[in-house]
Amino acid sequence: MSPAAPALPRKKLPVGIQTLAKLRDQDCYYVDKSGLAIDLIESGSYFFLSRPRRFGKSLLVDTFKELFEGNRALFEGLAAETRWDWSHRHPVVRISFAGGGLGSAERLEQRIFEILDENEKRLGVQCQHQSVSGRFSELIQRTRERHGATVVVLVDEYDKPILDHLHDRPLAAQMREGVKALYESLKYVDEHLKFVFLTGVSKFSKVSIFSGLNQLVDITLDPRWSALCGYTDADIDTVFAPELPGLDRDEVRRWYNGYNWRGTSVYNPFDVLRLFDRREFHPYWFETGTPTFLVNLLAERRIFTPDLGRIVASEALLSTFDVDTMQPEALLFQAGYLTIDQVHAIPGRMEFTLKYPNLEVEASLNDSLLKRYMGDAAASEAQISRLWRVLQAGDVAALRELFHAFFASIPSDWYRNNPIAQFEGYWASVFYSHFAALGLDIRVEDTTNKGRIDMTVLAGGAVWVFEFKVVELVPQGRALAQIRERGYAEKYRGRGEPVHLIGVEFSRVDRNIVGFEVETLAG
């Protein structure tokens, strides 16, 4: 028997580290993005990248800074060491709104001047202009004169002052105008600039934020840069190989992989690092920023939740986001709750089918939506736990009682005061979100050769086939009849598991289940 291979040495996990110097000095794991960074620099001068929060954008910005400032020692053994011209250095103006806490337009302007002051001191220049745009332009011109080289401008979390106030649209609009005055001035100092890189979560339209900055290239959906932030499967298997023993590799992939911008799929770095630290699967990323505003917007727009994982949207729609035109599809995509599944090329345009990136997002978002539908977070948690036990027991009768009691528990005042409860898709949305919150294998609009099943769930060693109908008051038996007539069960008979055929009828008047017919076919 051959001896077991020695365990690979483990390094420090760079949890929360956003600077290359600290990461390298502490001998942390590092996924080398320096080669891709150089590829981007060599391809142009003005770039914009949108990625979800906690996706490594700040570390990427810092990597650009260290390259242009010529800190060669930080890149020993990395792709940049032999590819970068270390004999040329460029001064870097760095702007970040990561701190937050900007509650007014006046405080935003004050913070912008503080940031400009910090850059002036670091770069050894003094500026006189009193306006934001004038001061920024003067900073760039004087910096070039002082250092004798064109200037690099790096902007991190460019949109945070706006995103922090989306719940207050007038204030968000004021914040937009405040940062617009800063970014617009870049178009007047082109001759003094070497490289410009802006990044944030959302892609606001050029008209609203970057008016006149026509040279800014949006690389958000360029397949070449899909993996510029985030970890690839290859990164997990090589760089983080010492962390994998004891973890189910397929579960790591199912929970955290799947983000895609028309190229290589990637993992959210924050999730992966927290997993390797705690050794437990958990919605780490989702819990760092509960999307209350987003959940309320979905309810306000009466989004049919089973459709969330299969939305078709144009490139223009996904790229159109502003304080006054907040499309849920664009917000879900840019914030990282949906990602690209398929690309459809149509003459003169491009469309995408979107999907949940992974189990973490699908389960957590639907859990949040369910709390919004119920108006009672504690009851929602108990409801989901009971559903899990019912499915594991294969107790179809208990399933009916579970949902009937759920709908009956919602006060009539809640229905009157919530727009989400006023459309027919509400009941099916609630059903779907219960199952999705458990991270189960769900097929919505499940295609067969005779039609589409409303919802199929694979759980508890059985197949659960659902058809939903809305009636006025009296059950009509049409839901189960449709399942039978169209032979929906045939698709799953070969699995050797019980197949539960369930026809559910909701009453508009009673606001509850009035029909729940079941037929079980042996596996």
Protein backbone atom coordinates (compact mmCIF):
# COMPACT_ATOMS: atom_id res chain seq x y z
CA MET A 1 0.00 0.00 0.00
CA SER A 2 1.53 3.29 -1.14
CA PRO A 3 1.88 6.04 1.46
CA ALA A 4 -0.71 8.82 1.43
CA ALA A 5 0.30 12.02 -0.33
CA PRO A 6 1.43 14.69 2.12
CA ALA A 7 -1.13 17.38 2.86
CA LEU A 8 -0.58 20.60 0.97
CA PRO A 9 0.53 23.53 3.17
CA ARG A 10 -2.28 25.91 4.04
CA LYS A 11 -1.96 29.69 3.87
CA LYS A 12 -3.80 32.54 5.51
CA LEU A 13 -7.25 33.24 4.11
CA PRO A 14 -7.47 36.87 2.89
CA VAL A 15 -10.89 37.49 4.44
CA GLY A 16 -11.65 41.20 4.26
CA ILE A 17 -8.22 42.12 2.80
CA GLN A 18 -8.56 44.61 -0.07
CA THR A 19 -4.96 45.71 -0.62
CA LEU A 20 -2.37 43.74 -2.56
CA ALA A 21 0.49 44.76 -0.26
CA LYS A 22 -1.20 43.43 2.88
CA LEU A 23 -2.28 40.25 1.11
CA ARG A 24 1.25 39.53 -0.15
CA ASP A 25 3.03 40.60 3.05
CA GLN A 26 0.92 38.21 5.13
CA ASP A 27 1.48 35.31 2.69
CA CYS A 28 -2.22 34.86 1.97
CA TYR A 29 -3.77 32.83 -0.78
CA TYR A 30 -3.85 34.98 -3.93
CA VAL A 31 -5.62 34.34 -7.20
CA ASP A 32 -3.36 36.09 -9.69
CA LYS A 33 -5.34 38.64 -11.71
CA SER A 34 -2.29 40.69 -12.69
CA GLY A 35 -2.05 39.12 -16.16
CA LEU A 36 -5.68 39.97 -16.93
CA ALA A 37 -5.13 43.46 -15.52
CA ILE A 38 -2.25 44.02 -17.93
CA ASP A 39 -4.31 42.63 -20.82
CA LEU A 40 -6.96 45.26 -20.07
CA ILE A 41 -4.44 48.09 -19.78
CA GLU A 42 -2.93 47.13 -23.13
CA SER A 43 -6.35 47.12 -24.82
CA GLY A 44 -7.39 50.72 -24.09
CA SER A 45 -7.45 53.66 -21.70
CA TYR A 46 -10.97 54.31 -20.31
CA PHE A 47 -12.95 51.47 -18.74
CA PHE A 48 -16.04 50.86 -16.63
CA LEU A 49 -16.85 47.55 -14.88
CA SER A 50 -20.00 46.64 -12.96
CA ARG A 51 -19.87 43.72 -10.52
CA PRO A 52 -21.88 42.78 -7.39
CA ARG A 53 -20.73 43.84 -3.94
CA ARG A 54 -17.92 41.94 -2.22
CA PHE A 55 -16.65 40.57 -5.52
CA GLY A 56 -13.02 41.67 -5.34
CA LYS A 57 -13.41 45.01 -7.14
CA SER A 58 -11.41 46.94 -4.53
CA LEU A 59 -8.52 44.48 -4.70
CA LEU A 60 -8.52 44.77 -8.50
CA VAL A 61 -8.39 48.57 -8.26
CA ASP A 62 -5.49 48.29 -5.81
CA THR A 63 -3.70 45.93 -8.22
CA PHE A 64 -3.90 48.60 -10.94
CA LYS A 65 -2.52 51.15 -8.48
CA GLU A 66 0.48 49.00 -7.53
CA LEU A 67 1.26 48.28 -11.19
CA PHE A 68 1.27 51.92 -12.26
CA GLU A 69 3.23 53.01 -9.20
CA GLY A 70 5.87 50.40 -10.09
CA ASN A 71 5.88 48.34 -6.89
CA ARG A 72 7.60 45.39 -8.48
CA ALA A 73 8.30 43.50 -5.24
CA LEU A 74 4.57 42.83 -4.77
CA PHE A 75 4.40 40.96 -8.08
CA GLU A 76 7.29 38.52 -7.63
CA GLY A 77 6.22 35.16 -9.00
CA LEU A 78 3.07 36.61 -10.56
CA ALA A 79 2.23 37.06 -14.24
CA ALA A 80 2.99 40.78 -14.11
CA GLU A 81 6.58 40.34 -12.97
CA THR A 82 7.87 39.54 -16.45
CA ARG A 83 5.17 41.29 -18.50
CA TRP A 84 5.13 44.80 -17.01
CA ASP A 85 7.53 47.62 -17.92
CA TRP A 86 8.78 48.56 -14.46
CA SER A 87 10.92 51.43 -15.79
CA HIS A 88 7.86 53.65 -16.32
CA ARG A 89 5.76 54.92 -13.43
CA HIS A 90 2.57 56.96 -13.40
CA PRO A 91 1.00 58.94 -10.54
CA VAL A 92 -2.34 57.56 -9.38
CA VAL A 93 -5.41 59.51 -8.25
CA ARG A 94 -7.58 57.14 -6.27
CA ILE A 95 -11.21 57.78 -5.31
CA SER A 96 -13.44 55.52 -3.23
CA PHE A 97 -16.87 55.98 -1.68
CA ALA A 98 -16.70 52.69 0.22
CA GLY A 99 -17.15 54.34 3.61
CA GLY A 100 -20.79 55.33 3.18
CA GLY A 101 -22.52 57.47 5.79
CA LEU A 102 -23.29 60.27 3.33
CA GLY A 103 -26.77 61.38 4.31
CA SER A 104 -27.08 64.58 2.28
CA ALA A 105 -25.84 66.27 -0.88
CA GLU A 106 -23.85 68.69 1.29
CA ARG A 107 -22.09 65.84 3.10
CA LEU A 108 -21.31 64.20 -0.25
CA GLU A 109 -19.67 67.38 -1.55
CA GLN A 110 -17.71 67.67 1.67
CA ARG A 111 -16.51 64.07 1.31
CA ILE A 112 -15.47 64.65 -2.31
CA PHE A 113 -13.30 67.59 -1.24
CA GLU A 114 -11.81 65.46 1.56
CA ILE A 115 -10.89 62.78 -0.99
CA LEU A 116 -9.34 65.38 -3.32
CA ASP A 117 -7.40 66.85 -0.37
CA GLU A 118 -6.03 63.40 0.50
CA ASN A 119 -4.86 62.89 -3.07
CA GLU A 120 -3.24 66.35 -3.20
CA LYS A 121 -1.20 65.64 -0.06
CA ARG A 122 -0.13 62.19 -1.25
CA LEU A 123 0.86 63.49 -4.69
CA GLY A 124 2.53 66.66 -3.44
CA VAL A 125 0.37 69.27 -5.17
CA GLN A 126 -1.84 72.18 -4.10
CA CYS A 127 -5.04 73.21 -5.89
CA GLN A 128 -7.05 76.42 -5.71
CA HIS A 129 -10.34 75.87 -7.53
CA GLN A 130 -13.48 75.86 -5.39
CA SER A 131 -15.89 73.75 -7.47
CA VAL A 132 -15.81 69.95 -7.54
CA SER A 133 -15.20 69.71 -11.28
CA GLY A 134 -12.66 72.53 -11.28
CA ARG A 135 -10.74 71.09 -8.33
CA PHE A 136 -10.61 67.59 -9.82
CA SER A 137 -9.44 68.84 -13.22
CA GLU A 138 -6.79 71.02 -11.55
CA LEU A 139 -5.61 68.06 -9.46
CA ILE A 140 -4.98 65.98 -12.57
CA GLN A 141 -3.21 68.77 -14.45
CA ARG A 142 -0.95 69.74 -11.53
CA THR A 143 -0.18 66.09 -10.81
CA ARG A 144 1.08 65.58 -14.35
CA GLU A 145 3.21 68.71 -14.10
CA ARG A 146 4.61 67.66 -10.71
CA HIS A 147 5.47 64.08 -11.69
CA GLY A 148 6.24 64.49 -15.38
CA ALA A 149 3.99 61.59 -16.41
CA THR A 150 0.38 61.14 -17.43
CA VAL A 151 -2.06 60.38 -14.62
CA VAL A 152 -4.02 57.24 -13.73
CA VAL A 153 -7.51 57.71 -12.22
CA LEU A 154 -9.04 54.80 -10.31
CA VAL A 155 -12.58 55.08 -8.92
CA ASP A 156 -13.94 52.37 -6.60
CA GLU A 157 -17.63 52.11 -5.62
CA TYR A 158 -18.43 55.10 -7.81
CA ASP A 159 -22.18 54.59 -7.29
CA LYS A 160 -22.42 53.90 -3.55
CA PRO A 161 -23.67 57.39 -2.58
CA ILE A 162 -26.62 56.80 -4.92
CA LEU A 163 -27.31 53.15 -4.09
CA ASP A 164 -27.38 53.89 -0.35
CA HIS A 165 -30.45 56.08 -0.93
CA LEU A 166 -32.53 54.27 -3.56
CA HIS A 167 -35.37 54.12 -1.03
CA ASP A 168 -35.44 57.94 -1.11
CA ARG A 169 -35.50 58.84 -4.79
CA PRO A 170 -35.25 62.65 -4.44
CA LEU A 171 -32.13 62.24 -2.27
CA ALA A 172 -30.71 59.58 -4.59
CA ALA A 173 -31.17 62.02 -7.50
CA GLN A 174 -29.25 64.69 -5.57
CA MET A 175 -26.44 62.21 -4.93
CA ARG A 176 -26.37 61.34 -8.61
CA GLU A 177 -25.87 64.98 -9.54
CA GLY A 178 -23.15 65.30 -6.90
CA VAL A 179 -20.99 62.49 -8.28
CA LYS A 180 -21.81 63.47 -11.87
CA ALA A 181 -20.01 66.77 -11.33
CA LEU A 182 -16.90 64.78 -10.37
CA TYR A 183 -16.89 62.21 -13.16
CA GLU A 184 -17.87 64.60 -15.95
CA SER A 185 -14.70 66.63 -15.47
CA LEU A 186 -12.63 63.70 -16.77
CA LYS A 187 -13.61 64.60 -20.34
CA TYR A 188 -11.82 67.95 -20.04
CA VAL A 189 -8.40 66.54 -19.06
CA ASP A 190 -7.99 63.71 -21.54
CA GLU A 191 -4.52 64.87 -22.63
CA HIS A 192 -3.24 64.43 -19.08
CA LEU A 193 -4.60 60.91 -18.52
CA LYS A 194 -2.89 57.55 -19.02
CA PHE A 195 -5.60 55.19 -17.76
CA VAL A 196 -9.05 55.52 -16.19
CA PHE A 197 -10.93 52.70 -14.45
CA LEU A 198 -14.27 53.06 -12.69
CA THR A 199 -16.10 50.26 -10.94
CA GLY A 200 -19.21 49.78 -8.85
CA VAL A 201 -22.31 47.64 -8.47
CA SER A 202 -24.75 49.32 -10.84
CA LYS A 203 -24.44 50.62 -14.34
CA PHE A 204 -26.12 54.01 -14.47
CA SER A 205 -26.71 55.35 -17.94
CA LYS A 206 -23.98 57.49 -19.50
CA VAL A 207 -26.44 60.33 -19.88
CA SER A 208 -27.14 60.49 -16.15
CA ILE A 209 -23.61 59.98 -14.80
CA PHE A 210 -20.94 60.18 -17.52
CA SER A 211 -22.46 62.75 -19.88
CA GLY A 212 -19.98 63.50 -22.66
CA LEU A 213 -17.42 60.91 -21.52
CA ASN A 214 -17.83 58.99 -24.76
CA GLN A 215 -14.46 57.27 -24.59
CA LEU A 216 -15.50 55.27 -21.51
CA VAL A 217 -15.76 51.59 -22.55
CA ASP A 218 -18.16 49.38 -20.59
CA ILE A 219 -16.57 45.94 -20.20
CA THR A 220 -19.27 44.53 -17.90
CA LEU A 221 -20.60 42.09 -20.54
CA ASP A 222 -17.39 41.58 -22.51
CA PRO A 223 -16.64 37.82 -22.39
CA ARG A 224 -12.90 38.48 -22.22
CA TRP A 225 -13.24 40.05 -18.77
CA SER A 226 -15.91 37.80 -17.23
CA ALA A 227 -13.34 36.43 -14.77
CA LEU A 228 -11.57 39.75 -14.04
CA CYS A 229 -13.18 39.58 -10.59
CA GLY A 230 -14.12 36.35 -8.81
CA TYR A 231 -12.63 32.86 -8.63
CA THR A 232 -12.91 30.30 -11.43
CA ASP A 233 -13.27 26.54 -10.96
CA ALA A 234 -9.60 26.20 -11.89
CA ASP A 235 -8.67 28.75 -9.18
CA ILE A 236 -10.55 26.76 -6.55
CA ASP A 237 -8.90 23.49 -7.58
CA THR A 238 -5.34 24.87 -7.72
CA VAL A 239 -4.84 27.95 -5.54
CA PHE A 240 -7.20 26.72 -2.81
CA ALA A 241 -6.45 22.99 -3.12
CA PRO A 242 -5.24 22.77 0.52
CA GLU A 243 -8.68 23.92 1.72
CA LEU A 244 -10.76 21.37 -0.19
CA PRO A 245 -10.24 18.16 1.86
CA GLY A 246 -13.31 17.53 3.99
CA LEU A 247 -15.63 19.55 1.75
CA ASP A 248 -17.97 18.19 -0.91
CA ARG A 249 -16.56 19.74 -4.10
CA ASP A 250 -19.88 19.48 -5.96
CA GLU A 251 -21.67 21.24 -3.09
CA VAL A 252 -19.10 24.04 -3.15
CA ARG A 253 -19.92 24.50 -6.82
CA ARG A 254 -23.70 24.25 -6.32
CA TRP A 255 -23.73 26.75 -3.46
CA TYR A 256 -21.36 29.45 -4.71
CA ASN A 257 -20.40 29.12 -8.39
CA GLY A 258 -22.43 30.31 -11.38
CA TYR A 259 -21.92 34.06 -11.81
CA ASN A 260 -21.43 34.69 -15.51
CA TRP A 261 -20.96 37.72 -17.74
CA ARG A 262 -20.88 35.92 -21.12
CA GLY A 263 -17.54 34.23 -20.42
CA THR A 264 -16.01 32.07 -17.70
CA SER A 265 -18.27 31.44 -14.71
CA VAL A 266 -16.93 32.51 -11.33
CA TYR A 267 -17.51 32.15 -7.60
CA ASN A 268 -18.09 35.07 -5.24
CA PRO A 269 -14.75 35.35 -3.39
CA PHE A 270 -16.38 36.40 -0.11
CA ASP A 271 -18.46 33.22 0.03
CA VAL A 272 -15.55 30.93 -0.77
CA LEU A 273 -13.22 32.47 1.80
CA ARG A 274 -15.87 32.34 4.51
CA LEU A 275 -16.62 28.71 3.64
CA PHE A 276 -12.96 27.73 3.92
CA ASP A 277 -12.75 29.57 7.23
CA ARG A 278 -15.90 28.16 8.89
CA ARG A 279 -16.13 24.85 6.97
CA GLU A 280 -19.93 25.17 6.80
CA PHE A 281 -22.24 25.94 3.88
CA HIS A 282 -24.07 29.14 4.64
CA PRO A 283 -25.42 32.19 2.73
CA TYR A 284 -22.47 34.36 3.78
CA TRP A 285 -22.68 36.91 0.95
CA PHE A 286 -26.44 37.27 1.05
CA GLU A 287 -26.50 37.95 4.78
CA THR A 288 -24.04 40.85 4.50
CA GLY A 289 -26.65 42.99 2.78
CA THR A 290 -30.34 42.12 3.12
CA PRO A 291 -31.97 43.50 -0.06
CA THR A 292 -34.99 45.11 1.66
CA PHE A 293 -35.38 47.74 -1.02
CA LEU A 294 -35.16 45.14 -3.77
CA VAL A 295 -37.69 42.82 -2.12
CA ASN A 296 -40.12 45.71 -1.70
CA LEU A 297 -39.63 46.72 -5.33
CA LEU A 298 -40.41 43.18 -6.52
CA ALA A 299 -43.58 43.19 -4.44
CA GLU A 300 -44.56 46.64 -5.68
CA ARG A 301 -44.12 45.56 -9.31
CA ARG A 302 -46.00 42.28 -8.68
CA ILE A 303 -43.20 40.12 -9.99
CA PHE A 304 -44.27 36.48 -10.45
CA THR A 305 -41.50 34.79 -8.47
CA PRO A 306 -41.41 31.51 -10.43
CA ASP A 307 -40.35 33.65 -13.40
CA LEU A 308 -37.30 35.09 -11.64
CA GLY A 309 -35.04 32.21 -12.61
CA ARG A 310 -35.90 32.41 -16.33
CA ILE A 311 -36.30 36.08 -17.19
CA VAL A 312 -35.48 37.10 -20.75
CA ALA A 313 -34.07 40.61 -21.01
CA SER A 314 -32.34 42.68 -23.65
CA GLU A 315 -28.83 44.03 -23.25
CA ALA A 316 -30.29 47.54 -23.34
CA LEU A 317 -32.64 46.76 -20.44
CA LEU A 318 -29.89 45.26 -18.30
CA SER A 319 -27.73 48.31 -18.99
CA THR A 320 -30.46 50.85 -18.28
CA PHE A 321 -30.59 51.81 -14.64
CA ASP A 322 -31.29 55.13 -13.05
CA VAL A 323 -33.01 56.64 -10.06
CA ASP A 324 -36.10 57.43 -12.13
CA THR A 325 -36.24 54.19 -14.16
CA MET A 326 -35.45 51.30 -11.85
CA GLN A 327 -36.31 48.14 -13.74
CA PRO A 328 -36.35 45.11 -11.40
CA GLU A 329 -34.58 42.95 -14.02
CA ALA A 330 -31.67 45.38 -14.27
CA LEU A 331 -31.40 45.76 -10.50
CA LEU A 332 -31.51 41.99 -9.91
CA PHE A 333 -28.83 41.41 -12.54
CA GLN A 334 -26.46 44.20 -11.57
CA ALA A 335 -26.73 43.48 -7.86
CA GLY A 336 -25.86 39.80 -8.39
CA TYR A 337 -29.19 38.11 -7.69
CA LEU A 338 -29.51 36.97 -11.31
CA THR A 339 -26.84 36.17 -13.88
CA ILE A 340 -26.57 35.21 -17.55
CA ASP A 341 -27.69 31.71 -18.52
CA GLN A 342 -28.06 31.91 -22.30
CA VAL A 343 -27.27 34.49 -24.98
CA HIS A 344 -29.65 35.06 -27.90
CA ALA A 345 -28.32 36.97 -30.90
CA ILE A 346 -31.12 38.83 -32.70
CA PRO A 347 -30.50 41.16 -35.67
CA GLY A 348 -29.62 44.55 -34.25
CA ARG A 349 -29.83 43.50 -30.60
CA MET A 350 -28.85 40.92 -28.03
CA GLU A 351 -31.05 39.20 -25.46
CA PHE A 352 -30.19 37.11 -22.43
CA THR A 353 -32.01 34.45 -20.46
CA LEU A 354 -31.20 35.06 -16.81
CA LYS A 355 -31.02 32.58 -13.94
CA TYR A 356 -30.13 32.42 -10.28
CA PRO A 357 -26.33 32.08 -10.11
CA ASN A 358 -26.38 29.40 -7.41
CA LEU A 359 -28.19 27.79 -4.50
CA GLU A 360 -27.22 30.50 -2.01
CA VAL A 361 -28.92 33.25 -3.96
CA GLU A 362 -31.99 31.26 -5.02
CA ALA A 363 -32.76 30.01 -1.52
CA SER A 364 -31.94 33.23 0.31
CA LEU A 365 -33.76 35.59 -2.05
CA ASN A 366 -36.90 33.47 -1.96
CA ASP A 367 -36.67 33.24 1.80
CA SER A 368 -36.64 37.06 1.93
CA LEU A 369 -39.53 37.26 -0.52
CA LEU A 370 -41.55 34.79 1.54
CA LYS A 371 -41.09 36.93 4.65
CA ARG A 372 -42.40 39.88 2.63
CA TYR A 373 -45.41 37.86 1.44
CA MET A 374 -46.26 36.79 4.98
CA GLY A 375 -45.43 39.96 6.86
CA ASP A 376 -44.09 37.77 9.69
CA ALA A 377 -40.45 36.67 9.56
CA ALA A 378 -40.67 34.30 12.53
CA ALA A 379 -43.72 32.52 11.08
CA SER A 380 -41.93 32.19 7.76
CA GLU A 381 -38.97 30.40 9.35
CA ALA A 382 -41.26 27.94 11.15
CA GLN A 383 -43.28 27.35 7.98
CA ILE A 384 -40.21 26.43 5.91
CA SER A 385 -38.95 24.07 8.61
CA ARG A 386 -42.32 22.28 8.69
CA LEU A 387 -42.35 22.00 4.90
CA TRP A 388 -38.97 20.25 4.97
CA ARG A 389 -40.22 17.67 7.45
CA VAL A 390 -43.42 17.08 5.46
CA LEU A 391 -41.47 16.47 2.24
CA GLN A 392 -39.05 14.10 3.92
CA ALA A 393 -41.99 12.13 5.31
CA GLY A 394 -43.78 12.13 1.94
CA ASP A 395 -46.94 13.24 3.74
CA VAL A 396 -49.15 14.72 1.00
CA ALA A 397 -52.13 15.28 3.31
CA ALA A 398 -49.94 17.28 5.70
CA LEU A 399 -48.75 19.37 2.76
CA ARG A 400 -52.31 20.57 2.13
CA GLU A 401 -52.84 21.40 5.79
CA LEU A 402 -49.54 23.24 5.93
CA PHE A 403 -50.41 25.63 3.09
CA HIS A 404 -54.07 25.99 4.05
CA ALA A 405 -53.07 27.03 7.57
CA PHE A 406 -50.48 29.37 6.14
CA PHE A 407 -52.92 31.32 3.96
CA ALA A 408 -55.53 31.33 6.73
CA SER A 409 -53.02 32.90 9.14
CA ILE A 410 -52.52 36.03 7.00
CA PRO A 411 -54.72 38.87 8.36
CA SER A 412 -57.24 40.39 5.96
CA ASP A 413 -55.74 43.83 6.63
CA TRP A 414 -52.45 42.60 5.19
CA TYR A 415 -54.19 41.65 1.94
CA ARG A 416 -55.84 45.06 1.70
CA ASN A 417 -52.60 46.97 2.29
CA ASN A 418 -50.22 44.98 0.07
CA PRO A 419 -50.26 45.20 -3.73
CA ILE A 420 -48.50 41.84 -4.09
CA ALA A 421 -51.65 40.09 -2.82
CA GLN A 422 -53.89 41.67 -5.44
CA PHE A 423 -52.76 39.67 -8.46
CA GLU A 424 -53.45 36.05 -9.32
CA GLY A 425 -49.81 35.04 -9.35
CA TYR A 426 -49.52 35.73 -5.65
CA TRP A 427 -50.61 32.27 -4.52
CA ALA A 428 -48.37 30.36 -6.92
CA SER A 429 -45.50 32.73 -6.03
CA VAL A 430 -45.90 31.85 -2.36
CA PHE A 431 -45.94 28.14 -3.14
CA TYR A 432 -42.81 28.42 -5.26
CA SER A 433 -40.88 30.55 -2.76
CA HIS A 434 -41.51 28.02 0.02
CA PHE A 435 -39.78 25.29 -1.96
CA ALA A 436 -37.08 27.56 -3.39
CA ALA A 437 -36.19 28.80 0.09
CA LEU A 438 -35.24 25.21 0.93
CA GLY A 439 -32.85 25.04 -2.03
CA LEU A 440 -34.72 22.14 -3.61
CA ASP A 441 -34.54 20.97 -7.21
CA ILE A 442 -37.44 22.87 -8.79
CA ARG A 443 -38.51 22.92 -12.43
CA VAL A 444 -40.87 25.75 -13.34
CA GLU A 445 -42.95 25.49 -16.53
CA ASP A 446 -41.52 21.99 -16.80
CA THR A 447 -41.75 20.98 -20.46
CA THR A 448 -43.24 17.64 -21.56
CA ASN A 449 -44.28 16.42 -25.00
CA LYS A 450 -47.90 17.32 -24.15
CA GLY A 451 -47.53 20.65 -22.41
CA ARG A 452 -45.88 22.45 -19.52
CA ILE A 453 -46.17 21.46 -15.87
CA ASP A 454 -46.58 24.52 -13.63
CA MET A 455 -44.03 23.26 -11.11
CA THR A 456 -42.15 20.04 -10.41
CA VAL A 457 -40.18 19.50 -7.20
CA LEU A 458 -37.74 16.64 -6.60
CA ALA A 459 -37.50 16.12 -2.85
CA GLY A 460 -37.70 13.49 -0.14
CA GLY A 461 -37.11 10.63 -2.58
CA ALA A 462 -40.23 11.52 -4.54
CA VAL A 463 -41.45 13.66 -7.43
CA TRP A 464 -44.07 16.33 -6.66
CA VAL A 465 -45.98 17.56 -9.73
CA PHE A 466 -48.07 20.71 -9.18
CA GLU A 467 -50.71 22.39 -11.36
CA PHE A 468 -52.25 25.64 -10.11
CA LYS A 469 -55.64 27.16 -10.94
CA VAL A 470 -57.46 30.23 -9.61
CA VAL A 471 -61.25 29.98 -9.18
CA GLU A 472 -63.88 32.31 -7.75
CA LEU A 473 -65.03 30.23 -4.79
CA VAL A 474 -65.91 26.60 -5.56
CA PRO A 475 -63.25 24.04 -6.57
CA GLN A 476 -63.65 22.76 -10.11
CA GLY A 477 -61.16 19.89 -10.18
CA ARG A 478 -59.51 21.22 -13.34
CA ALA A 479 -55.95 21.27 -12.02
CA LEU A 480 -55.57 17.53 -11.34
CA ALA A 481 -57.63 16.73 -14.43
CA GLN A 482 -55.08 18.60 -16.57
CA ILE A 483 -52.19 16.66 -15.03
CA ARG A 484 -53.93 13.40 -15.84
CA GLU A 485 -55.13 14.31 -19.33
CA ARG A 486 -51.72 15.50 -20.45
CA GLY A 487 -49.80 12.66 -18.87
CA TYR A 488 -47.45 14.93 -16.97
CA ALA A 489 -46.33 12.06 -14.75
CA GLU A 490 -44.84 10.05 -17.62
CA LYS A 491 -41.72 12.21 -17.74
CA TYR A 492 -40.74 11.00 -14.26
CA ARG A 493 -42.03 7.42 -14.11
CA GLY A 494 -38.60 6.03 -14.98
CA ARG A 495 -36.96 7.41 -11.83
CA GLY A 496 -38.31 4.59 -9.68
CA GLU A 497 -39.70 7.05 -7.14
CA PRO A 498 -43.27 7.82 -6.07
CA VAL A 499 -44.84 10.55 -8.19
CA HIS A 500 -47.35 12.78 -6.39
CA LEU A 501 -49.79 14.51 -8.76
CA ILE A 502 -51.22 17.55 -6.98
CA GLY A 503 -53.89 19.87 -8.35
CA VAL A 504 -54.17 23.07 -6.33
CA GLU A 505 -57.06 25.54 -6.70
CA PHE A 506 -57.03 28.95 -5.01
CA SER A 507 -60.15 30.98 -4.32
CA ARG A 508 -60.14 34.70 -5.08
CA VAL A 509 -62.93 35.17 -2.55
CA ASP A 510 -61.63 33.00 0.31
CA ARG A 511 -57.98 33.87 -0.37
CA ASN A 512 -57.08 30.29 0.39
CA ILE A 513 -56.83 26.80 -1.02
CA VAL A 514 -60.27 25.41 -1.81
CA GLY A 515 -59.13 22.48 -3.90
CA PHE A 516 -56.21 20.16 -3.23
CA GLU A 517 -56.57 16.90 -5.15
CA VAL A 518 -53.88 14.26 -5.03
CA GLU A 519 -53.04 11.09 -6.88
CA THR A 520 -49.90 9.14 -6.06
CA LEU A 521 -48.28 6.77 -8.54
CA ALA A 522 -45.96 4.13 -7.13
CA GLY A 523 -42.32 4.25 -8.18
